Amino acid sequence: MPLQSMTGFARREGTSGRYRWAWELRSVNGKGLDLRLRLPTGTEHLEADVRKLVAECFSRGNMQVNLTLNTSEAGVETVVNQGALAAVLALREQLRDVIDPAPLRLDALLAIRGVVDFREPEEQEGERVARDGDLLVGLKLALADITAMRETEGAALCRVLLDQIEKIALLTGQIEVDPSRSPQSIAARLAQQVALVLDGGVTIDQDRLYGEVALLAAKADIREEIDRLRTHVAAARDLLKKGGPVGRKLDFLSQEFNRESNTICSKSNAATVTSAGIELKVVIDQFREQVQNLE
């Protein structure tokens, strides 16, 4: 299943009988699926179907789904108020000796309020059912369009994330083989530090000194952090290869990446390892920012 970004837009328009409709869909980042609908009067009964269709396509994202619905002018019908017309004609007859007896023109009748009314014809059940069916088909097409856009963006994000994971792996390897981590280097640094203490004239029990040195060496070891970073790198690659809605899992991994890099920096007693650890944190922060865009 392809990766999806949570950013997308789609618009579909169409007609159904005397109706003209348009669906407009917008999607941005969100922790879950937050759907906001705007349906015109007379179509509120479609809300359950719309929510179901959207939920079948997406699991995350703040989505706005708007529907506009208009009727064509050709659908307007005229209705003559026979009672009002009869009253006007009767009044004309009563006043025939007072007013101009010229024939009553149509434009004059239309100007008289209440004689002729223009309105939309009443909607028949079959017409409503056909319209609702066309609207849902149009929504499915719009959902397919926005899905395609999210997948295109998701593919681009995947390439960026894989590049960042590769950088994390390279920096982890750089830290692992750093000369400062060799037993000889560690022993030399500790010996130098012990010598500075002893040269100061401080008397220290040798057994206790060696015990403290061993404890410091154990605390400074970053083997576990390096192993966990490699495990997280492999897991992240597998998730991106698997695809689908993996944004939450990758976000969790980014937090674990950050935890291990912080520990490496705090344990490091070599400038080269600290420098690589700081660069590692920068890449991890970039990775986490991009992950926030994934479904």
Protein backbone atom coordinates (compact mmCIF):
# COMPACT_ATOMS: atom_id res chain seq x y z
CA MET A 1 0.00 0.00 0.00
CA PRO A 2 1.54 3.37 -1.01
CA LEU A 3 2.59 5.92 1.57
CA GLN A 4 0.38 8.99 1.78
CA SER A 5 1.04 12.54 2.78
CA MET A 6 -1.77 14.17 4.73
CA THR A 7 -1.78 17.18 2.39
CA GLY A 8 -4.13 17.16 -0.58
CA PHE A 9 -6.83 18.95 -2.56
CA ALA A 10 -9.48 17.82 -5.02
CA ARG A 11 -12.53 19.27 -6.77
CA ARG A 12 -15.15 17.46 -8.84
CA GLU A 13 -18.14 18.99 -10.60
CA GLY A 14 -21.09 17.48 -12.40
CA THR A 15 -24.81 17.56 -13.10
CA SER A 16 -27.76 15.41 -12.14
CA GLY A 17 -31.01 16.27 -13.87
CA ARG A 18 -31.70 19.92 -13.17
CA TYR A 19 -29.01 20.06 -10.45
CA ARG A 20 -25.41 21.13 -10.74
CA TRP A 21 -23.09 20.00 -7.95
CA ALA A 22 -19.46 20.45 -6.91
CA TRP A 23 -17.42 18.62 -4.26
CA GLU A 24 -14.32 20.32 -2.84
CA LEU A 25 -11.96 18.39 -0.55
CA ARG A 26 -9.01 19.75 1.43
CA SER A 27 -6.66 17.79 3.67
CA VAL A 28 -3.87 18.87 6.04
CA ASN A 29 -1.91 17.28 8.89
CA GLY A 30 -3.76 15.88 11.88
CA LYS A 31 -3.21 13.45 14.76
CA GLY A 32 -6.29 11.49 13.76
CA LEU A 33 -9.06 11.70 11.18
CA ASP A 34 -10.92 14.95 11.81
CA LEU A 35 -13.66 15.43 9.22
CA ARG A 36 -15.57 18.68 8.81
CA LEU A 37 -18.58 18.60 6.49
CA ARG A 38 -20.51 21.40 4.88
CA LEU A 39 -23.63 20.12 3.15
CA PRO A 40 -26.37 22.33 1.65
CA THR A 41 -29.93 22.29 2.92
CA GLY A 42 -31.77 19.20 1.74
CA THR A 43 -28.72 16.94 1.62
CA GLU A 44 -28.06 16.53 5.35
CA HIS A 45 -29.22 12.91 5.17
CA LEU A 46 -26.05 12.11 3.17
CA GLU A 47 -23.74 12.87 6.10
CA ALA A 48 -23.46 9.27 7.33
CA ASP A 49 -22.61 8.00 3.83
CA VAL A 50 -20.03 10.77 3.31
CA ARG A 51 -18.30 10.03 6.62
CA LYS A 52 -18.21 6.33 5.82
CA LEU A 53 -16.67 6.87 2.36
CA VAL A 54 -13.99 9.21 3.74
CA ALA A 55 -13.13 6.82 6.60
CA GLU A 56 -12.71 3.97 4.10
CA CYS A 57 -10.01 5.99 2.30
CA PHE A 58 -8.12 7.72 5.09
CA SER A 59 -7.10 7.14 8.70
CA ARG A 60 -5.46 10.50 9.49
CA GLY A 61 -5.69 14.14 8.49
CA ASN A 62 -7.83 17.20 9.10
CA MET A 63 -10.26 17.13 6.19
CA GLN A 64 -12.78 19.65 4.94
CA VAL A 65 -15.48 18.30 2.64
CA ASN A 66 -17.75 20.91 1.07
CA LEU A 67 -20.68 20.34 -1.29
CA THR A 68 -22.40 23.05 -3.32
CA LEU A 69 -25.68 22.32 -5.07
CA ASN A 70 -27.56 24.59 -7.50
CA THR A 71 -30.57 24.17 -9.80
CA SER A 72 -30.61 25.26 -13.43
CA GLU A 73 -32.84 28.14 -14.48
CA ALA A 74 -34.55 25.81 -16.94
CA GLY A 75 -36.05 24.01 -13.98
CA VAL A 76 -38.01 27.07 -12.83
CA GLU A 77 -41.77 26.90 -13.51
CA THR A 78 -44.42 29.63 -13.49
CA VAL A 79 -47.55 29.39 -11.38
CA VAL A 80 -50.57 31.63 -12.03
CA ASN A 81 -52.61 32.57 -9.02
CA GLN A 82 -56.02 32.18 -10.56
CA GLY A 83 -57.78 33.89 -7.67
CA ALA A 84 -55.50 36.93 -7.83
CA LEU A 85 -55.87 37.10 -11.60
CA ALA A 86 -59.67 36.92 -11.37
CA ALA A 87 -59.65 39.69 -8.77
CA VAL A 88 -57.51 41.92 -11.01
CA LEU A 89 -59.79 41.33 -14.00
CA ALA A 90 -62.89 41.97 -11.91
CA LEU A 91 -61.40 45.22 -10.62
CA ARG A 92 -60.62 46.28 -14.18
CA GLU A 93 -64.21 45.59 -15.15
CA GLN A 94 -65.50 47.67 -12.26
CA LEU A 95 -63.27 50.57 -13.22
CA ARG A 96 -63.78 50.38 -16.98
CA ASP A 97 -65.58 53.70 -17.06
CA VAL A 98 -62.78 55.34 -15.05
CA ILE A 99 -59.58 53.91 -16.50
CA ASP A 100 -58.26 53.37 -20.00
CA PRO A 101 -60.23 50.42 -21.49
CA ALA A 102 -57.20 49.25 -23.51
CA PRO A 103 -56.48 45.51 -23.34
CA LEU A 104 -54.48 44.43 -20.30
CA ARG A 105 -50.88 43.66 -21.33
CA LEU A 106 -48.86 40.67 -20.03
CA ASP A 107 -46.06 42.84 -18.70
CA ALA A 108 -48.61 44.76 -16.65
CA LEU A 109 -49.93 41.52 -15.17
CA LEU A 110 -46.41 40.33 -14.33
CA ALA A 111 -45.79 43.59 -12.49
CA ILE A 112 -48.74 42.96 -10.17
CA ARG A 113 -47.53 41.15 -7.07
CA GLY A 114 -49.08 37.77 -6.42
CA VAL A 115 -50.59 37.17 -9.85
CA VAL A 116 -47.69 35.18 -11.32
CA ASP A 117 -45.12 33.35 -9.21
CA PHE A 118 -41.84 31.70 -10.29
CA ARG A 119 -40.68 28.70 -8.29
CA GLU A 120 -38.75 25.49 -8.55
CA PRO A 121 -40.84 22.42 -9.21
CA GLU A 122 -41.36 20.07 -6.30
CA GLU A 123 -38.74 17.36 -6.13
CA GLN A 124 -40.00 13.87 -6.84
CA GLU A 125 -38.72 10.87 -4.88
CA GLY A 126 -37.13 9.26 -7.93
CA GLU A 127 -35.38 12.51 -8.81
CA ARG A 128 -33.99 12.82 -5.28
CA VAL A 129 -32.71 9.25 -5.24
CA ALA A 130 -31.00 9.73 -8.62
CA ARG A 131 -29.46 13.00 -7.45
CA ASP A 132 -28.14 11.45 -4.23
CA GLY A 133 -26.62 8.58 -6.18
CA ASP A 134 -24.86 10.97 -8.56
CA LEU A 135 -23.58 13.02 -5.62
CA LEU A 136 -22.02 9.99 -3.94
CA VAL A 137 -20.44 8.87 -7.22
CA GLY A 138 -18.97 12.36 -7.57
CA LEU A 139 -17.62 12.18 -4.01
CA LYS A 140 -15.92 8.86 -4.75
CA LEU A 141 -14.22 10.43 -7.77
CA ALA A 142 -13.07 13.39 -5.65
CA LEU A 143 -11.75 11.00 -3.00
CA ALA A 144 -9.81 9.12 -5.68
CA ASP A 145 -8.32 12.42 -6.87
CA ILE A 146 -7.20 13.55 -3.43
CA THR A 147 -5.87 10.05 -2.69
CA ALA A 148 -3.72 10.23 -5.83
CA MET A 149 -2.35 13.61 -4.76
CA ARG A 150 -1.59 12.37 -1.25
CA GLU A 151 0.15 9.30 -2.65
CA THR A 152 2.27 11.43 -5.00
CA GLU A 153 3.37 13.58 -2.07
CA GLY A 154 3.86 10.45 0.02
CA ALA A 155 6.26 9.02 -2.57
CA ALA A 156 8.29 12.24 -2.50
CA LEU A 157 8.36 12.18 1.31
CA CYS A 158 9.50 8.55 1.24
CA ARG A 159 12.55 9.47 -0.79
CA VAL A 160 13.40 12.28 1.63
CA LEU A 161 12.95 10.02 4.67
CA LEU A 162 15.06 7.22 3.19
CA ASP A 163 17.83 9.73 2.54
CA GLN A 164 17.64 10.92 6.15
CA ILE A 165 17.67 7.36 7.46
CA GLU A 166 20.77 6.69 5.38
CA LYS A 167 22.45 9.72 7.00
CA ILE A 168 21.50 8.41 10.45
CA ALA A 169 23.00 5.02 9.58
CA LEU A 170 26.22 6.61 8.27
CA LEU A 171 26.64 8.80 11.36
CA THR A 172 25.97 5.80 13.60
CA GLY A 173 28.68 3.88 11.77
CA GLN A 174 31.02 6.86 12.05
CA ILE A 175 30.51 6.96 15.82
CA GLU A 176 30.94 3.19 16.08
CA VAL A 177 34.38 3.17 14.42
CA ASP A 178 35.61 6.40 15.97
CA PRO A 179 39.20 5.84 17.25
CA SER A 180 38.29 7.32 20.61
CA ARG A 181 36.15 4.24 21.33
CA SER A 182 39.00 1.72 21.02
CA PRO A 183 40.05 0.01 24.29
CA GLN A 184 43.57 1.40 23.89
CA SER A 185 42.29 4.97 23.52
CA ILE A 186 39.94 4.63 26.47
CA ALA A 187 42.73 3.14 28.62
CA ALA A 188 45.14 5.92 27.64
CA ARG A 189 42.64 8.67 28.52
CA LEU A 190 41.82 7.10 31.86
CA ALA A 191 45.49 6.58 32.66
CA GLN A 192 46.19 10.21 31.90
CA GLN A 193 43.37 11.34 34.15
CA VAL A 194 44.52 9.06 36.97
CA ALA A 195 48.07 10.32 36.61
CA LEU A 196 46.88 13.91 36.98
CA VAL A 197 45.12 12.98 40.21
CA LEU A 198 48.12 11.12 41.62
CA ASP A 199 50.54 13.88 40.61
CA GLY A 200 48.55 16.24 42.75
CA GLY A 201 49.71 14.40 45.81
CA VAL A 202 46.37 12.79 46.54
CA THR A 203 46.60 9.37 48.16
CA ILE A 204 44.03 6.94 46.81
CA ASP A 205 43.55 3.28 47.53
CA GLN A 206 44.63 1.45 44.36
CA ASP A 207 41.84 -1.14 44.46
CA ARG A 208 39.21 1.56 44.86
CA LEU A 209 40.82 3.61 42.12
CA TYR A 210 40.73 0.72 39.68
CA GLY A 211 37.11 0.05 40.62
CA GLU A 212 36.11 3.66 39.95
CA VAL A 213 37.97 3.62 36.67
CA ALA A 214 36.17 0.46 35.58
CA LEU A 215 32.82 1.98 36.57
CA LEU A 216 33.51 5.15 34.57
CA ALA A 217 34.56 3.10 31.58
CA ALA A 218 31.33 1.09 31.73
CA LYS A 219 29.19 4.24 32.00
CA ALA A 220 30.97 5.82 29.05
CA ASP A 221 30.40 2.82 26.79
CA ILE A 222 27.85 3.54 24.02
CA ARG A 223 27.69 0.07 22.49
CA GLU A 224 24.03 -0.39 23.50
CA GLU A 225 22.99 2.96 22.04
CA ILE A 226 24.71 2.18 18.75
CA ASP A 227 23.02 -1.24 18.56
CA ARG A 228 19.61 0.29 19.25
CA LEU A 229 20.16 2.97 16.60
CA ARG A 230 20.92 0.27 14.04
CA THR A 231 17.79 -1.61 15.06
CA HIS A 232 15.67 1.53 14.71
CA VAL A 233 17.20 2.25 11.28
CA ALA A 234 16.23 -1.23 10.08
CA ALA A 235 12.70 -0.85 11.50
CA ALA A 236 12.23 2.54 9.81
CA ARG A 237 13.35 1.16 6.45
CA ASP A 238 10.95 -1.77 6.80
CA LEU A 239 8.03 0.56 7.61
CA LEU A 240 8.71 2.77 4.59
CA LYS A 241 8.97 -0.32 2.38
CA LYS A 242 5.71 -1.69 3.79
CA GLY A 243 3.85 1.58 3.19
CA GLY A 244 0.33 2.40 4.31
CA PRO A 245 -0.56 4.52 7.36
CA VAL A 246 2.79 4.20 9.18
CA GLY A 247 3.19 7.82 10.25
CA ARG A 248 2.52 7.15 13.94
CA LYS A 249 5.04 4.31 14.10
CA LEU A 250 7.71 6.37 12.37
CA ASP A 251 7.03 9.23 14.76
CA PHE A 252 7.62 6.85 17.67
CA LEU A 253 10.88 5.69 16.09
CA SER A 254 11.99 9.29 15.64
CA GLN A 255 11.56 9.78 19.39
CA GLU A 256 13.66 6.69 20.03
CA PHE A 257 16.32 7.95 17.61
CA ASN A 258 16.43 11.19 19.57
CA ARG A 259 16.69 9.38 22.90
CA GLU A 260 19.70 7.35 21.79
CA SER A 261 21.47 10.36 20.26
CA ASN A 262 20.99 12.33 23.48
CA THR A 263 22.49 9.48 25.49
CA ILE A 264 25.48 9.24 23.15
CA CYS A 265 26.17 12.96 23.51
CA SER A 266 25.87 12.81 27.31
CA LYS A 267 28.21 9.79 27.58
CA SER A 268 30.75 10.98 25.07
CA ASN A 269 34.14 12.07 26.37
CA ALA A 270 35.62 12.62 22.91
CA ALA A 271 35.10 15.71 20.77
CA THR A 272 34.75 13.69 17.55
CA VAL A 273 31.95 11.53 18.97
CA THR A 274 30.17 14.57 20.43
CA SER A 275 30.37 16.35 17.08
CA ALA A 276 28.92 13.35 15.24
CA GLY A 277 26.26 13.01 17.92
CA ILE A 278 25.16 16.63 17.47
CA GLU A 279 24.99 16.18 13.69
CA LEU A 280 22.99 13.02 14.30
CA LYS A 281 20.48 14.98 16.41
CA VAL A 282 20.07 17.55 13.61
CA VAL A 283 19.25 14.84 11.05
CA ILE A 284 16.87 13.13 13.49
CA ASP A 285 15.00 16.41 14.06
CA GLN A 286 14.64 16.83 10.29
CA PHE A 287 13.42 13.24 10.03
CA ARG A 288 10.80 13.80 12.72
CA GLU A 289 9.52 17.00 11.09
CA GLN A 290 8.97 15.19 7.78
CA VAL A 291 7.31 12.23 9.48
CA GLN A 292 4.62 14.58 10.81
CA ASN A 293 3.36 14.91 7.21
CA LEU A 294 2.77 11.18 6.74
CA GLU A 295 -0.58 9.47 7.28
